Amino acid sequence: MITTQPRQSRAPSRAVIGRSIVERMADRVLELGMNGTAVTKDVLSEHTEFTLAEIEKHAKEACDLAKARAIRNVG
């Protein structure tokens, strides 16, 4: 039988402290999406350190930022 244990929250690294939550969330959305994962609020909460409340509050802005970063300008 497979059992699971709750993850312990991790403290953000020093490099992450200076960045806003929206920027960090956008990076994680891009990372998950580039790995072929369909990024939903549930997936984001399972695979990141963000709480559901943080995701509800910042997800739209983070996804918009992730889309803007993912688009390459060809010209």
C-alpha atoms as a PDB file:
ATOM      1  CA  MET A   1       0.000   0.000   0.000  1.00  0.00           C
ATOM      2  CA  ILE A   2       1.278   3.435  -0.910  1.00  0.00           C
ATOM      3  CA  THR A   3       1.140   6.080   1.775  1.00  0.00           C
ATOM      4  CA  THR A   4       1.874   9.757   1.441  1.00  0.00           C
ATOM      5  CA  GLN A   5       3.097  12.303   3.882  1.00  0.00           C
ATOM      6  CA  PRO A   6       2.413  16.025   3.794  1.00  0.00           C
ATOM      7  CA  ARG A   7       5.250  18.091   2.388  1.00  0.00           C
ATOM      8  CA  GLN A   8       7.082  20.360   4.726  1.00  0.00           C
ATOM      9  CA  SER A   9       7.128  23.929   3.533  1.00  0.00           C
ATOM     10  CA  ARG A  10      10.478  25.036   2.260  1.00  0.00           C
ATOM     11  CA  ALA A  11      11.995  28.401   2.966  1.00  0.00           C
ATOM     12  CA  PRO A  12      12.701  30.349  -0.218  1.00  0.00           C
ATOM     13  CA  SER A  13      16.326  30.565  -1.261  1.00  0.00           C
ATOM     14  CA  ARG A  14      18.230  33.829  -1.041  1.00  0.00           C
ATOM     15  CA  ALA A  15      17.962  34.380  -4.795  1.00  0.00           C
ATOM     16  CA  VAL A  16      14.179  34.237  -4.602  1.00  0.00           C
ATOM     17  CA  ILE A  17      13.627  36.602  -1.690  1.00  0.00           C
ATOM     18  CA  GLY A  18      14.026  39.788  -3.749  1.00  0.00           C
ATOM     19  CA  ARG A  19      11.447  38.804  -6.371  1.00  0.00           C
ATOM     20  CA  SER A  20       7.718  39.298  -6.102  1.00  0.00           C
ATOM     21  CA  ILE A  21       5.350  36.388  -5.645  1.00  0.00           C
ATOM     22  CA  VAL A  22       3.861  37.054  -9.088  1.00  0.00           C
ATOM     23  CA  GLU A  23       7.285  36.771 -10.757  1.00  0.00           C
ATOM     24  CA  ARG A  24       8.100  33.564  -8.890  1.00  0.00           C
ATOM     25  CA  MET A  25       4.696  32.078  -9.689  1.00  0.00           C
ATOM     26  CA  ALA A  26       5.061  33.023 -13.376  1.00  0.00           C
ATOM     27  CA  ASP A  27       8.415  31.226 -13.485  1.00  0.00           C
ATOM     28  CA  ARG A  28       6.872  28.089 -12.008  1.00  0.00           C
ATOM     29  CA  VAL A  29       3.946  28.245 -14.449  1.00  0.00           C
ATOM     30  CA  LEU A  30       6.419  28.463 -17.349  1.00  0.00           C
ATOM     31  CA  GLU A  31       8.529  25.638 -15.953  1.00  0.00           C
ATOM     32  CA  LEU A  32       5.555  23.320 -15.481  1.00  0.00           C
ATOM     33  CA  GLY A  33       4.123  24.222 -18.874  1.00  0.00           C
ATOM     34  CA  MET A  34       7.419  23.637 -20.671  1.00  0.00           C
ATOM     35  CA  ASN A  35       7.528  20.169 -19.126  1.00  0.00           C
ATOM     36  CA  GLY A  36       4.207  19.328 -20.728  1.00  0.00           C
ATOM     37  CA  THR A  37       2.125  19.679 -17.579  1.00  0.00           C
ATOM     38  CA  ALA A  38      -1.301  21.267 -17.890  1.00  0.00           C
ATOM     39  CA  VAL A  39      -1.019  24.004 -15.293  1.00  0.00           C
ATOM     40  CA  THR A  40      -4.089  24.362 -13.099  1.00  0.00           C
ATOM     41  CA  LYS A  41      -4.477  25.851  -9.653  1.00  0.00           C
ATOM     42  CA  ASP A  42      -4.439  22.368  -8.131  1.00  0.00           C
ATOM     43  CA  VAL A  43      -1.301  21.351 -10.020  1.00  0.00           C
ATOM     44  CA  LEU A  44       0.402  24.594  -9.041  1.00  0.00           C
ATOM     45  CA  SER A  45      -0.378  24.038  -5.359  1.00  0.00           C
ATOM     46  CA  GLU A  46       0.810  20.411  -5.502  1.00  0.00           C
ATOM     47  CA  HIS A  47       4.115  21.131  -7.249  1.00  0.00           C
ATOM     48  CA  THR A  48       5.112  24.446  -5.691  1.00  0.00           C
ATOM     49  CA  GLU A  49       5.423  26.136  -2.327  1.00  0.00           C
ATOM     50  CA  PHE A  50       2.461  28.456  -2.996  1.00  0.00           C
ATOM     51  CA  THR A  51      -0.693  28.128  -0.920  1.00  0.00           C
ATOM     52  CA  LEU A  52      -4.130  27.945  -2.517  1.00  0.00           C
ATOM     53  CA  ALA A  53      -4.899  31.411  -1.131  1.00  0.00           C
ATOM     54  CA  GLU A  54      -1.786  32.859  -2.795  1.00  0.00           C
ATOM     55  CA  ILE A  55      -2.639  31.095  -6.032  1.00  0.00           C
ATOM     56  CA  GLU A  56      -6.221  32.410  -5.981  1.00  0.00           C
ATOM     57  CA  LYS A  57      -4.946  35.937  -5.397  1.00  0.00           C
ATOM     58  CA  HIS A  58      -2.079  36.050  -7.916  1.00  0.00           C
ATOM     59  CA  ALA A  59      -2.740  33.339 -10.526  1.00  0.00           C
ATOM     60  CA  LYS A  60      -4.262  35.547 -13.238  1.00  0.00           C
ATOM     61  CA  GLU A  61      -1.471  38.093 -13.108  1.00  0.00           C
ATOM     62  CA  ALA A  62       1.206  35.374 -12.933  1.00  0.00           C
ATOM     63  CA  CYS A  63      -0.279  33.517 -15.912  1.00  0.00           C
ATOM     64  CA  ASP A  64      -0.425  36.723 -17.947  1.00  0.00           C
ATOM     65  CA  LEU A  65       3.228  37.385 -17.118  1.00  0.00           C
ATOM     66  CA  ALA A  66       4.169  33.787 -17.986  1.00  0.00           C
ATOM     67  CA  LYS A  67       2.432  34.102 -21.368  1.00  0.00           C
ATOM     68  CA  ALA A  68       4.252  37.363 -22.083  1.00  0.00           C
ATOM     69  CA  ARG A  69       7.602  35.759 -21.216  1.00  0.00           C
ATOM     70  CA  ALA A  70       6.853  32.683 -23.339  1.00  0.00           C
ATOM     71  CA  ILE A  71       6.147  34.634 -26.518  1.00  0.00           C
ATOM     72  CA  ARG A  72       9.207  35.211 -28.678  1.00  0.00           C
ATOM     73  CA  ASN A  73       9.364  38.273 -30.845  1.00  0.00           C
ATOM     74  CA  VAL A  74      10.233  37.271 -34.385  1.00  0.00           C
ATOM     75  CA  GLY A  75      11.340  40.087 -36.581  1.00  0.00           C
END
